[in-house]
Amino acid sequence: MSDQLTLSAEARETAGKGASRALRREARVPAVVYGAGEAPLGIHVEEKALMKALHTGHFMNSVVMLTVDGKEVRTLPKDVSFHPVSDRPLHVDFLRISKHSKVTVNVPVHFINEDASPGIKRGAVLNVVRHELELVCDAAEIPDEIKVDLTGTDVGDSIHISSVILPKGAVSSITDRDFTIATLVAPSALKSSEGDTATEGEETEAE
């Protein structure tokens, strides 16, 4: 399960581009908290603390507890805007959630047991179609990653969402099709070898 992150924030008294630029000059990042039937709340957070949270690698699929003027607000990050040149964070959107809200998150895929794949042993290339899976799960049980077992997979095999074991309580947000996560593609050398073999067989039959 993803670790819970914490950020200290202050309420924004004024909005607008001018106020936002002033905050950024003070190394603060403007943000907004919305959802749960409450009015949007304008806040700002310390840029250094936000960058530290972003560098964990799982900021976007972690519960972030915001402390706003002494009050804790449970949130899920929904969007971070960055400066196109400096990559400094410009704005953050946070969604209010309850402890056991159902949330939609993108969770990274991690492939395991490559050494137990006959296809990879033969030189097949793992072609990853989806590096992340969009899942619906409990806000208190957001997984860090989804492990996809390659044991027994061979050249030409496709791995679909139906063959992946998801954590208890988590389901794919895509329910209308059995989509592909990865395929095992034959290397050019193997394709060439099999093509030559087929050609030789055809010539023998012709003779």
N, C-alpha and C. Protein backbone atom coordinates (compact mmCIF):
# COMPACT_ATOMS: atom_id res chain seq x y z
N MET A 1 0.84 -1.20 0.00
CA MET A 1 0.00 0.00 0.00
C MET A 1 0.87 1.24 0.00
N SER A 2 0.46 2.25 -0.77
CA SER A 2 1.23 3.50 -0.84
C SER A 2 1.25 4.19 0.51
N ASP A 3 2.40 4.76 0.85
CA ASP A 3 2.52 5.50 2.09
C ASP A 3 1.67 6.76 2.05
N GLN A 4 1.15 7.14 3.22
CA GLN A 4 0.42 8.40 3.32
C GLN A 4 1.42 9.54 3.43
N LEU A 5 1.20 10.58 2.67
CA LEU A 5 2.09 11.74 2.70
C LEU A 5 1.42 12.88 3.45
N THR A 6 2.22 13.79 3.98
CA THR A 6 1.68 14.95 4.69
C THR A 6 2.29 16.24 4.15
N LEU A 7 1.47 17.27 4.08
CA LEU A 7 1.93 18.58 3.65
C LEU A 7 1.27 19.64 4.50
N SER A 8 2.04 20.60 4.91
CA SER A 8 1.49 21.74 5.65
C SER A 8 1.08 22.80 4.64
N ALA A 9 -0.11 23.38 4.84
CA ALA A 9 -0.61 24.37 3.88
C ALA A 9 -1.22 25.55 4.62
N GLU A 10 -1.36 26.62 3.88
CA GLU A 10 -2.02 27.81 4.40
C GLU A 10 -3.11 28.23 3.44
N ALA A 11 -4.21 28.76 3.97
CA ALA A 11 -5.31 29.21 3.13
C ALA A 11 -4.89 30.45 2.35
N ARG A 12 -5.38 30.53 1.10
CA ARG A 12 -5.11 31.70 0.27
C ARG A 12 -6.22 32.73 0.48
N GLU A 13 -5.83 33.94 0.80
CA GLU A 13 -6.83 34.99 1.00
C GLU A 13 -7.25 35.63 -0.32
N THR A 14 -6.35 35.63 -1.30
CA THR A 14 -6.67 36.22 -2.60
C THR A 14 -6.33 35.23 -3.70
N ALA A 15 -7.05 35.36 -4.83
CA ALA A 15 -6.81 34.50 -5.97
C ALA A 15 -6.38 35.35 -7.16
N GLY A 16 -6.18 34.71 -8.29
CA GLY A 16 -5.77 35.45 -9.49
C GLY A 16 -4.32 35.23 -9.83
N LYS A 17 -3.97 35.60 -11.07
CA LYS A 17 -2.60 35.39 -11.55
C LYS A 17 -1.58 36.21 -10.77
N GLY A 18 -1.93 37.43 -10.43
CA GLY A 18 -0.98 38.27 -9.69
C GLY A 18 -0.66 37.70 -8.33
N ALA A 19 -1.70 37.24 -7.62
CA ALA A 19 -1.50 36.66 -6.29
C ALA A 19 -0.69 35.37 -6.40
N SER A 20 -0.95 34.58 -7.44
CA SER A 20 -0.21 33.32 -7.62
C SER A 20 1.26 33.59 -7.90
N ARG A 21 1.54 34.60 -8.74
CA ARG A 21 2.94 34.93 -9.03
C ARG A 21 3.66 35.40 -7.77
N ALA A 22 2.96 36.15 -6.93
CA ALA A 22 3.56 36.63 -5.68
C ALA A 22 3.90 35.45 -4.77
N LEU A 23 3.02 34.46 -4.72
CA LEU A 23 3.28 33.27 -3.89
C LEU A 23 4.50 32.52 -4.40
N ARG A 24 4.61 32.38 -5.72
CA ARG A 24 5.73 31.64 -6.29
C ARG A 24 7.06 32.34 -6.04
N ARG A 25 7.02 33.66 -6.01
CA ARG A 25 8.25 34.41 -5.69
C ARG A 25 8.71 34.12 -4.26
N GLU A 26 7.77 33.74 -3.42
CA GLU A 26 8.10 33.40 -2.03
C GLU A 26 8.31 31.90 -1.84
N ALA A 27 8.51 31.19 -2.97
CA ALA A 27 8.74 29.73 -2.96
C ALA A 27 7.54 28.97 -2.39
N ARG A 28 6.35 29.48 -2.70
CA ARG A 28 5.11 28.81 -2.34
C ARG A 28 4.39 28.41 -3.63
N VAL A 29 3.62 27.33 -3.57
CA VAL A 29 2.89 26.85 -4.74
C VAL A 29 1.40 26.93 -4.47
N PRO A 30 0.66 27.70 -5.28
CA PRO A 30 -0.79 27.78 -5.09
C PRO A 30 -1.46 26.44 -5.41
N ALA A 31 -2.56 26.16 -4.73
CA ALA A 31 -3.28 24.90 -4.94
C ALA A 31 -4.74 25.11 -4.60
N VAL A 32 -5.55 24.13 -4.96
CA VAL A 32 -6.97 24.18 -4.62
C VAL A 32 -7.40 22.80 -4.14
N VAL A 33 -8.28 22.78 -3.15
CA VAL A 33 -8.87 21.54 -2.64
C VAL A 33 -10.35 21.59 -2.97
N TYR A 34 -10.85 20.54 -3.63
CA TYR A 34 -12.26 20.55 -4.03
C TYR A 34 -12.88 19.18 -3.79
N GLY A 35 -14.21 19.10 -3.97
CA GLY A 35 -14.90 17.82 -3.86
C GLY A 35 -15.58 17.61 -2.53
N ALA A 36 -16.22 16.44 -2.39
CA ALA A 36 -16.93 16.04 -1.17
C ALA A 36 -18.09 16.98 -0.84
N GLY A 37 -18.63 17.65 -1.86
CA GLY A 37 -19.78 18.51 -1.65
C GLY A 37 -19.48 19.82 -0.95
N GLU A 38 -18.20 20.14 -0.78
CA GLU A 38 -17.82 21.38 -0.11
C GLU A 38 -17.29 22.39 -1.13
N ALA A 39 -17.29 23.64 -0.73
CA ALA A 39 -16.79 24.70 -1.60
C ALA A 39 -15.29 24.53 -1.81
N PRO A 40 -14.78 24.87 -2.99
CA PRO A 40 -13.34 24.79 -3.23
C PRO A 40 -12.58 25.67 -2.24
N LEU A 41 -11.42 25.16 -1.81
CA LEU A 41 -10.60 25.88 -0.85
C LEU A 41 -9.25 26.20 -1.48
N GLY A 42 -8.94 27.49 -1.60
CA GLY A 42 -7.65 27.90 -2.13
C GLY A 42 -6.58 27.86 -1.05
N ILE A 43 -5.47 27.20 -1.35
CA ILE A 43 -4.38 27.08 -0.37
C ILE A 43 -3.05 27.31 -1.07
N HIS A 44 -1.97 27.33 -0.31
CA HIS A 44 -0.63 27.31 -0.89
C HIS A 44 0.28 26.48 0.00
N VAL A 45 1.23 25.79 -0.63
CA VAL A 45 2.14 24.89 0.10
C VAL A 45 3.58 25.30 -0.21
N GLU A 46 4.48 24.88 0.64
CA GLU A 46 5.90 25.18 0.43
C GLU A 46 6.41 24.39 -0.77
N GLU A 47 7.08 25.07 -1.68
CA GLU A 47 7.58 24.42 -2.89
C GLU A 47 8.57 23.30 -2.55
N LYS A 48 9.46 23.54 -1.62
CA LYS A 48 10.47 22.54 -1.24
C LYS A 48 9.80 21.27 -0.73
N ALA A 49 8.79 21.42 0.13
CA ALA A 49 8.09 20.25 0.69
C ALA A 49 7.32 19.52 -0.40
N LEU A 50 6.72 20.27 -1.32
CA LEU A 50 5.98 19.65 -2.42
C LEU A 50 6.93 18.86 -3.31
N MET A 51 8.09 19.44 -3.62
CA MET A 51 9.06 18.74 -4.47
C MET A 51 9.53 17.44 -3.82
N LYS A 52 9.71 17.48 -2.52
CA LYS A 52 10.11 16.26 -1.80
C LYS A 52 9.05 15.18 -1.94
N ALA A 53 7.78 15.58 -1.83
CA ALA A 53 6.69 14.63 -1.98
C ALA A 53 6.61 14.11 -3.41
N LEU A 54 6.82 14.98 -4.39
CA LEU A 54 6.79 14.57 -5.80
C LEU A 54 7.90 13.58 -6.12
N HIS A 55 9.04 13.75 -5.47
CA HIS A 55 10.19 12.89 -5.74
C HIS A 55 10.08 11.51 -5.11
N THR A 56 9.01 11.26 -4.33
CA THR A 56 8.81 9.90 -3.80
C THR A 56 8.47 8.93 -4.92
N GLY A 57 7.98 9.48 -6.04
CA GLY A 57 7.63 8.63 -7.16
C GLY A 57 6.21 8.09 -7.12
N HIS A 58 5.51 8.30 -6.00
CA HIS A 58 4.13 7.80 -5.91
C HIS A 58 3.18 8.89 -5.40
N PHE A 59 3.53 10.13 -5.65
CA PHE A 59 2.71 11.25 -5.16
C PHE A 59 1.28 11.18 -5.70
N MET A 60 1.13 10.88 -7.00
CA MET A 60 -0.18 10.92 -7.62
C MET A 60 -1.08 9.75 -7.23
N ASN A 61 -0.56 8.72 -6.61
CA ASN A 61 -1.43 7.64 -6.15
C ASN A 61 -1.26 7.40 -4.65
N SER A 62 -1.06 8.51 -3.92
CA SER A 62 -0.96 8.45 -2.47
C SER A 62 -1.98 9.39 -1.83
N VAL A 63 -2.46 9.00 -0.68
CA VAL A 63 -3.29 9.90 0.11
C VAL A 63 -2.38 10.98 0.70
N VAL A 64 -2.77 12.23 0.54
CA VAL A 64 -1.99 13.34 1.08
C VAL A 64 -2.83 14.04 2.15
N MET A 65 -2.32 14.02 3.36
CA MET A 65 -2.99 14.71 4.46
C MET A 65 -2.49 16.15 4.50
N LEU A 66 -3.38 17.08 4.21
CA LEU A 66 -3.04 18.50 4.25
C LEU A 66 -3.41 19.07 5.61
N THR A 67 -2.49 19.77 6.22
CA THR A 67 -2.80 20.49 7.46
C THR A 67 -2.98 21.96 7.09
N VAL A 68 -4.24 22.39 7.11
CA VAL A 68 -4.57 23.76 6.70
C VAL A 68 -5.03 24.54 7.93
N ASP A 69 -4.18 25.46 8.38
CA ASP A 69 -4.50 26.28 9.55
C ASP A 69 -4.92 25.41 10.74
N GLY A 70 -4.17 24.33 10.94
CA GLY A 70 -4.41 23.46 12.09
C GLY A 70 -5.45 22.37 11.87
N LYS A 71 -6.14 22.39 10.74
CA LYS A 71 -7.16 21.38 10.46
C LYS A 71 -6.66 20.41 9.41
N GLU A 72 -6.83 19.09 9.64
CA GLU A 72 -6.37 18.08 8.69
C GLU A 72 -7.44 17.81 7.64
N VAL A 73 -6.98 17.75 6.37
CA VAL A 73 -7.87 17.45 5.26
C VAL A 73 -7.28 16.29 4.48
N ARG A 74 -8.04 15.20 4.35
CA ARG A 74 -7.58 14.03 3.61
C ARG A 74 -7.84 14.25 2.12
N THR A 75 -6.80 14.12 1.30
CA THR A 75 -6.94 14.40 -0.13
C THR A 75 -6.21 13.38 -0.99
N LEU A 76 -6.53 13.45 -2.28
CA LEU A 76 -5.81 12.69 -3.29
C LEU A 76 -5.40 13.66 -4.38
N PRO A 77 -4.10 13.76 -4.71
CA PRO A 77 -3.67 14.67 -5.79
C PRO A 77 -4.30 14.26 -7.12
N LYS A 78 -4.81 15.23 -7.86
CA LYS A 78 -5.42 14.93 -9.15
C LYS A 78 -4.65 15.53 -10.32
N ASP A 79 -3.92 16.62 -10.08
CA ASP A 79 -3.17 17.23 -11.18
C ASP A 79 -2.10 18.17 -10.63
N VAL A 80 -0.95 18.17 -11.28
CA VAL A 80 0.13 19.11 -10.96
C VAL A 80 0.56 19.78 -12.25
N SER A 81 0.55 21.11 -12.28
CA SER A 81 1.00 21.85 -13.45
C SER A 81 2.45 22.30 -13.22
N PHE A 82 3.28 22.14 -14.27
CA PHE A 82 4.69 22.50 -14.17
C PHE A 82 5.05 23.58 -15.18
N HIS A 83 6.06 24.37 -14.85
CA HIS A 83 6.56 25.39 -15.77
C HIS A 83 7.21 24.66 -16.95
N PRO A 84 6.92 25.05 -18.19
CA PRO A 84 7.44 24.33 -19.35
C PRO A 84 8.96 24.38 -19.52
N VAL A 85 9.61 25.35 -18.90
CA VAL A 85 11.07 25.47 -19.05
C VAL A 85 11.80 25.01 -17.79
N SER A 86 11.39 25.54 -16.64
CA SER A 86 12.11 25.25 -15.39
C SER A 86 11.63 23.98 -14.70
N ASP A 87 10.45 23.47 -15.08
CA ASP A 87 9.84 22.29 -14.44
C ASP A 87 9.46 22.53 -12.99
N ARG A 88 9.42 23.78 -12.57
CA ARG A 88 8.95 24.08 -11.21
C ARG A 88 7.44 23.88 -11.15
N PRO A 89 6.92 23.34 -10.04
CA PRO A 89 5.47 23.18 -9.93
C PRO A 89 4.78 24.54 -9.85
N LEU A 90 3.71 24.70 -10.63
CA LEU A 90 2.99 25.97 -10.68
C LEU A 90 1.66 25.93 -9.92
N HIS A 91 1.03 24.76 -9.92
CA HIS A 91 -0.29 24.65 -9.29
C HIS A 91 -0.62 23.19 -9.04
N VAL A 92 -1.38 22.92 -7.97
CA VAL A 92 -1.78 21.56 -7.64
C VAL A 92 -3.28 21.51 -7.37
N ASP A 93 -3.93 20.46 -7.89
CA ASP A 93 -5.34 20.20 -7.58
C ASP A 93 -5.42 19.00 -6.64
N PHE A 94 -6.12 19.17 -5.53
CA PHE A 94 -6.33 18.09 -4.57
C PHE A 94 -7.82 17.78 -4.48
N LEU A 95 -8.17 16.50 -4.42
CA LEU A 95 -9.55 16.06 -4.26
C LEU A 95 -9.79 15.62 -2.82
N ARG A 96 -10.79 16.18 -2.17
CA ARG A 96 -11.15 15.76 -0.81
C ARG A 96 -11.71 14.34 -0.86
N ILE A 97 -11.29 13.52 0.08
CA ILE A 97 -11.82 12.16 0.17
C ILE A 97 -12.01 11.79 1.63
N SER A 98 -12.85 10.80 1.86
CA SER A 98 -12.98 10.25 3.21
C SER A 98 -12.01 9.07 3.33
N LYS A 99 -11.86 8.53 4.52
CA LYS A 99 -10.87 7.48 4.75
C LYS A 99 -11.06 6.28 3.84
N HIS A 100 -12.31 5.90 3.59
CA HIS A 100 -12.57 4.71 2.78
C HIS A 100 -13.32 5.04 1.49
N SER A 101 -13.03 6.21 0.93
CA SER A 101 -13.63 6.57 -0.35
C SER A 101 -13.12 5.63 -1.44
N LYS A 102 -13.95 5.40 -2.44
CA LYS A 102 -13.51 4.69 -3.63
C LYS A 102 -12.85 5.71 -4.55
N VAL A 103 -11.59 5.49 -4.89
CA VAL A 103 -10.85 6.45 -5.71
C VAL A 103 -10.32 5.76 -6.96
N THR A 104 -10.09 6.56 -7.99
CA THR A 104 -9.51 6.06 -9.23
C THR A 104 -8.07 6.56 -9.32
N VAL A 105 -7.13 5.62 -9.41
CA VAL A 105 -5.71 5.97 -9.42
C VAL A 105 -4.99 5.19 -10.52
N ASN A 106 -3.87 5.75 -10.98
CA ASN A 106 -3.00 5.05 -11.92
C ASN A 106 -1.86 4.40 -11.14
N VAL A 107 -1.76 3.08 -11.24
CA VAL A 107 -0.77 2.33 -10.47
C VAL A 107 0.25 1.70 -11.43
N PRO A 108 1.55 1.89 -11.18
CA PRO A 108 2.58 1.33 -12.09
C PRO A 108 2.57 -0.20 -12.10
N VAL A 109 2.94 -0.74 -13.28
CA VAL A 109 3.02 -2.19 -13.48
C VAL A 109 4.47 -2.63 -13.35
N HIS A 110 4.69 -3.73 -12.63
CA HIS A 110 6.05 -4.28 -12.46
C HIS A 110 6.02 -5.75 -12.89
N PHE A 111 6.87 -6.12 -13.84
CA PHE A 111 6.91 -7.49 -14.36
C PHE A 111 7.94 -8.32 -13.59
N ILE A 112 7.52 -9.51 -13.18
CA ILE A 112 8.39 -10.37 -12.37
C ILE A 112 8.56 -11.74 -13.05
N ASN A 113 9.57 -12.48 -12.57
CA ASN A 113 9.86 -13.86 -13.02
C ASN A 113 10.17 -13.95 -14.51
N GLU A 114 10.96 -13.00 -15.01
CA GLU A 114 11.36 -13.07 -16.42
C GLU A 114 12.19 -14.33 -16.68
N ASP A 115 12.95 -14.78 -15.65
CA ASP A 115 13.80 -15.96 -15.83
C ASP A 115 12.97 -17.24 -15.93
N ALA A 116 11.67 -17.15 -15.64
CA ALA A 116 10.80 -18.33 -15.74
C ALA A 116 9.93 -18.27 -16.99
N SER A 117 10.30 -17.38 -17.91
CA SER A 117 9.56 -17.25 -19.16
C SER A 117 10.32 -17.93 -20.29
N PRO A 118 9.80 -19.03 -20.86
CA PRO A 118 10.48 -19.70 -21.98
C PRO A 118 10.70 -18.75 -23.16
N GLY A 119 9.73 -17.85 -23.37
CA GLY A 119 9.86 -16.92 -24.49
C GLY A 119 11.03 -15.97 -24.33
N ILE A 120 11.19 -15.42 -23.14
CA ILE A 120 12.29 -14.49 -22.90
C ILE A 120 13.63 -15.23 -22.96
N LYS A 121 13.64 -16.48 -22.50
CA LYS A 121 14.86 -17.28 -22.59
C LYS A 121 15.26 -17.51 -24.05
N ARG A 122 14.28 -17.54 -24.93
CA ARG A 122 14.55 -17.73 -26.36
C ARG A 122 14.87 -16.41 -27.04
N GLY A 123 14.86 -15.33 -26.28
CA GLY A 123 15.23 -14.04 -26.83
C GLY A 123 14.07 -13.11 -27.15
N ALA A 124 12.85 -13.50 -26.73
CA ALA A 124 11.69 -12.65 -27.01
C ALA A 124 11.84 -11.30 -26.31
N VAL A 125 11.25 -10.29 -26.90
CA VAL A 125 11.28 -8.94 -26.35
C VAL A 125 9.94 -8.66 -25.69
N LEU A 126 9.99 -8.19 -24.45
CA LEU A 126 8.76 -7.84 -23.73
C LEU A 126 8.30 -6.46 -24.20
N ASN A 127 7.20 -6.44 -24.91
CA ASN A 127 6.64 -5.18 -25.42
C ASN A 127 5.53 -4.72 -24.46
N VAL A 128 5.84 -3.70 -23.65
CA VAL A 128 4.89 -3.23 -22.64
C VAL A 128 3.90 -2.26 -23.29
N VAL A 129 2.64 -2.63 -23.28
CA VAL A 129 1.59 -1.79 -23.85
C VAL A 129 1.10 -0.77 -22.83
N ARG A 130 0.99 -1.19 -21.58
CA ARG A 130 0.54 -0.30 -20.50
C ARG A 130 1.53 -0.34 -19.35
N HIS A 131 2.14 0.79 -19.08
CA HIS A 131 3.08 0.88 -17.95
C HIS A 131 2.35 1.16 -16.64
N GLU A 132 1.09 1.57 -16.74
CA GLU A 132 0.26 1.83 -15.56
C GLU A 132 -1.13 1.25 -15.79
N LEU A 133 -1.79 0.89 -14.70
CA LEU A 133 -3.17 0.44 -14.76
C LEU A 133 -4.04 1.41 -13.99
N GLU A 134 -5.15 1.80 -14.57
CA GLU A 134 -6.09 2.68 -13.88
C GLU A 134 -7.04 1.80 -13.08
N LEU A 135 -6.95 1.93 -11.76
CA LEU A 135 -7.72 1.07 -10.86
C LEU A 135 -8.68 1.88 -10.01
N VAL A 136 -9.76 1.23 -9.60
CA VAL A 136 -10.68 1.79 -8.62
C VAL A 136 -10.48 0.98 -7.34
N CYS A 137 -10.16 1.68 -6.24
CA CYS A 137 -9.87 0.96 -5.00
C CYS A 137 -10.19 1.84 -3.80
N ASP A 138 -10.08 1.24 -2.62
CA ASP A 138 -10.30 1.96 -1.37
C ASP A 138 -9.16 2.94 -1.15
N ALA A 139 -9.48 4.16 -0.73
CA ALA A 139 -8.45 5.18 -0.52
C ALA A 139 -7.42 4.76 0.52
N ALA A 140 -7.80 3.88 1.42
CA ALA A 140 -6.87 3.42 2.46
C ALA A 140 -6.05 2.22 2.01
N GLU A 141 -6.33 1.70 0.81
CA GLU A 141 -5.64 0.50 0.33
C GLU A 141 -5.12 0.68 -1.10
N ILE A 142 -4.53 1.83 -1.38
CA ILE A 142 -3.99 2.08 -2.72
C ILE A 142 -2.67 1.31 -2.88
N PRO A 143 -2.58 0.41 -3.86
CA PRO A 143 -1.34 -0.37 -4.01
C PRO A 143 -0.20 0.46 -4.58
N ASP A 144 1.03 0.11 -4.19
CA ASP A 144 2.22 0.78 -4.72
C ASP A 144 2.45 0.41 -6.18
N GLU A 145 2.18 -0.86 -6.50
CA GLU A 145 2.43 -1.37 -7.84
C GLU A 145 1.59 -2.62 -8.07
N ILE A 146 1.46 -2.99 -9.32
CA ILE A 146 0.79 -4.23 -9.68
C ILE A 146 1.83 -5.16 -10.30
N LYS A 147 1.98 -6.36 -9.73
CA LYS A 147 2.97 -7.31 -10.23
C LYS A 147 2.34 -8.22 -11.29
N VAL A 148 3.01 -8.33 -12.41
CA VAL A 148 2.55 -9.20 -13.49
C VAL A 148 3.56 -10.33 -13.65
N ASP A 149 3.11 -11.56 -13.43
CA ASP A 149 3.98 -12.72 -13.45
C ASP A 149 4.17 -13.24 -14.88
N LEU A 150 5.43 -13.33 -15.30
CA LEU A 150 5.75 -13.79 -16.66
C LEU A 150 6.04 -15.29 -16.73
N THR A 151 5.87 -16.00 -15.63
CA THR A 151 6.14 -17.43 -15.59
C THR A 151 5.36 -18.17 -16.68
N GLY A 152 6.06 -18.95 -17.49
CA GLY A 152 5.41 -19.78 -18.50
C GLY A 152 5.05 -19.08 -19.79
N THR A 153 5.29 -17.79 -19.88
CA THR A 153 4.93 -17.07 -21.11
C THR A 153 5.91 -17.37 -22.23
N ASP A 154 5.39 -17.43 -23.46
CA ASP A 154 6.25 -17.80 -24.60
C ASP A 154 6.12 -16.76 -25.71
N VAL A 155 6.94 -16.95 -26.73
CA VAL A 155 6.94 -16.04 -27.88
C VAL A 155 5.54 -15.95 -28.47
N GLY A 156 5.07 -14.74 -28.70
CA GLY A 156 3.75 -14.55 -29.29
C GLY A 156 2.62 -14.42 -28.29
N ASP A 157 2.91 -14.68 -27.01
CA ASP A 157 1.86 -14.58 -25.99
C ASP A 157 1.49 -13.12 -25.72
N SER A 158 0.24 -12.92 -25.37
CA SER A 158 -0.24 -11.61 -24.92
C SER A 158 -0.74 -11.73 -23.49
N ILE A 159 -0.43 -10.73 -22.68
CA ILE A 159 -0.88 -10.73 -21.28
C ILE A 159 -2.03 -9.74 -21.16
N HIS A 160 -3.18 -10.24 -20.76
CA HIS A 160 -4.36 -9.40 -20.65
C HIS A 160 -4.69 -9.12 -19.19
N ILE A 161 -5.53 -8.12 -18.97
CA ILE A 161 -5.90 -7.74 -17.61
C ILE A 161 -6.57 -8.90 -16.86
N SER A 162 -7.25 -9.79 -17.59
CA SER A 162 -7.94 -10.90 -16.95
C SER A 162 -6.98 -11.89 -16.30
N SER A 163 -5.72 -11.89 -16.74
CA SER A 163 -4.75 -12.84 -16.19
C SER A 163 -3.92 -12.23 -15.04
N VAL A 164 -4.21 -10.99 -14.70
CA VAL A 164 -3.45 -10.31 -13.64
C VAL A 164 -4.22 -10.38 -12.33
N ILE A 165 -3.50 -10.76 -11.27
CA ILE A 165 -4.12 -10.82 -9.94
C ILE A 165 -4.03 -9.43 -9.30
N LEU A 166 -5.18 -8.80 -9.12
CA LEU A 166 -5.23 -7.47 -8.50
C LEU A 166 -5.41 -7.60 -7.00
N PRO A 167 -4.94 -6.60 -6.24
CA PRO A 167 -5.11 -6.64 -4.78
C PRO A 167 -6.59 -6.70 -4.41
N LYS A 168 -6.89 -7.25 -3.27
CA LYS A 168 -8.27 -7.38 -2.79
C LYS A 168 -8.93 -6.00 -2.75
N GLY A 169 -10.11 -5.93 -3.34
CA GLY A 169 -10.85 -4.68 -3.32
C GLY A 169 -10.56 -3.75 -4.47
N ALA A 170 -9.54 -4.08 -5.28
CA ALA A 170 -9.18 -3.23 -6.42
C ALA A 170 -9.71 -3.84 -7.71
N VAL A 171 -10.26 -3.00 -8.57
CA VAL A 171 -10.76 -3.47 -9.87
C VAL A 171 -10.28 -2.49 -10.95
N SER A 172 -10.22 -2.99 -12.17
CA SER A 172 -9.85 -2.13 -13.28
C SER A 172 -10.98 -1.15 -13.57
N SER A 173 -10.61 0.08 -13.90
CA SER A 173 -11.64 1.07 -14.25
C SER A 173 -12.21 0.79 -15.64
N ILE A 174 -11.47 0.00 -16.44
CA ILE A 174 -11.94 -0.40 -17.77
C ILE A 174 -12.60 -1.77 -17.64
N THR A 175 -13.87 -1.82 -17.89
CA THR A 175 -14.61 -3.06 -17.67
C THR A 175 -15.26 -3.62 -18.94
N ASP A 176 -15.14 -2.90 -20.05
CA ASP A 176 -15.84 -3.33 -21.26
C ASP A 176 -15.00 -4.19 -22.19
N ARG A 177 -13.74 -4.44 -21.83
CA ARG A 177 -12.91 -5.28 -22.70
C ARG A 177 -11.73 -5.85 -21.90
N ASP A 178 -11.21 -6.98 -22.41
CA ASP A 178 -10.06 -7.64 -21.78
C ASP A 178 -8.80 -7.10 -22.45
N PHE A 179 -8.36 -5.91 -22.02
CA PHE A 179 -7.29 -5.22 -22.74
C PHE A 179 -5.91 -5.85 -22.49
N THR A 180 -5.00 -5.56 -23.42
CA THR A 180 -3.64 -6.12 -23.39
C THR A 180 -2.73 -5.23 -22.56
N ILE A 181 -1.91 -5.85 -21.72
CA ILE A 181 -0.93 -5.12 -20.91
C ILE A 181 0.46 -5.23 -21.53
N ALA A 182 0.78 -6.41 -22.08
CA ALA A 182 2.09 -6.61 -22.70
C ALA A 182 2.04 -7.80 -23.65
N THR A 183 3.00 -7.85 -24.55
CA THR A 183 3.13 -8.98 -25.46
C THR A 183 4.59 -9.42 -25.51
N LEU A 184 4.81 -10.67 -25.86
CA LEU A 184 6.17 -11.18 -26.05
C LEU A 184 6.43 -11.29 -27.55
N VAL A 185 7.28 -10.40 -28.04
CA VAL A 185 7.53 -10.31 -29.47
C VAL A 185 8.80 -11.07 -29.83
N ALA A 186 8.73 -11.84 -30.90
CA ALA A 186 9.90 -12.61 -31.34
C ALA A 186 10.98 -11.67 -31.84
N PRO A 187 12.25 -11.90 -31.47
CA PRO A 187 13.34 -11.07 -31.99
C PRO A 187 13.53 -11.33 -33.47
N SER A 188 14.13 -10.39 -34.18
CA SER A 188 14.30 -10.52 -35.63
C SER A 188 15.10 -11.77 -36.00
N ALA A 189 16.09 -12.12 -35.16
CA ALA A 189 16.91 -13.30 -35.46
C ALA A 189 16.07 -14.57 -35.43
N LEU A 190 15.14 -14.63 -34.44
CA LEU A 190 14.30 -15.82 -34.31
C LEU A 190 13.30 -15.87 -35.46
N LYS A 191 12.76 -14.70 -35.85
CA LYS A 191 11.83 -14.65 -36.97
C LYS A 191 12.52 -15.12 -38.25
N SER A 192 13.76 -14.65 -38.44
CA SER A 192 14.52 -15.01 -39.63
C SER A 192 14.79 -16.50 -39.67
N SER A 193 15.17 -17.07 -38.50
CA SER A 193 15.48 -18.49 -38.42
C SER A 193 14.25 -19.33 -38.74
N GLU A 194 13.11 -18.94 -38.15
CA GLU A 194 11.88 -19.69 -38.38
C GLU A 194 11.43 -19.54 -39.83
N GLY A 195 11.68 -18.35 -40.41
CA GLY A 195 11.32 -18.13 -41.80
C GLY A 195 12.15 -18.99 -42.73
N ASP A 196 13.47 -19.12 -42.43
CA ASP A 196 14.37 -19.95 -43.24
C ASP A 196 13.95 -21.40 -43.17
N THR A 197 13.57 -21.86 -41.97
CA THR A 197 13.16 -23.25 -41.77
C THR A 197 11.92 -23.54 -42.59
N ALA A 198 10.98 -22.59 -42.57
CA ALA A 198 9.74 -22.77 -43.32
C ALA A 198 10.04 -22.84 -44.81
N THR A 199 10.95 -22.01 -45.29
CA THR A 199 11.30 -21.98 -46.71
C THR A 199 11.93 -23.29 -47.14
N GLU A 200 12.84 -23.82 -46.29
CA GLU A 200 13.50 -25.08 -46.61
C GLU A 200 12.48 -26.20 -46.70
N GLY A 201 11.50 -26.17 -45.77
CA GLY A 201 10.47 -27.21 -45.76
C GLY A 201 9.63 -27.15 -47.01
N GLU A 202 9.31 -25.93 -47.46
CA GLU A 202 8.49 -25.76 -48.66
C GLU A 202 9.25 -26.27 -49.89
N GLU A 203 10.58 -26.00 -49.92
CA GLU A 203 11.39 -26.44 -51.07
C GLU A 203 11.46 -27.95 -51.13
N THR A 204 11.58 -28.58 -49.92
CA THR A 204 11.64 -30.04 -49.86
C THR A 204 10.36 -30.66 -50.39
N GLU A 205 9.23 -30.08 -49.97
CA GLU A 205 7.94 -30.60 -50.42
C GLU A 205 7.79 -30.45 -51.93
N ALA A 206 8.32 -29.31 -52.43
CA ALA A 206 8.22 -29.07 -53.87
C ALA A 206 9.00 -30.10 -54.67
N GLU A 207 10.17 -30.48 -54.14
CA GLU A 207 11.01 -31.47 -54.82
C GLU A 207 10.31 -32.82 -54.82
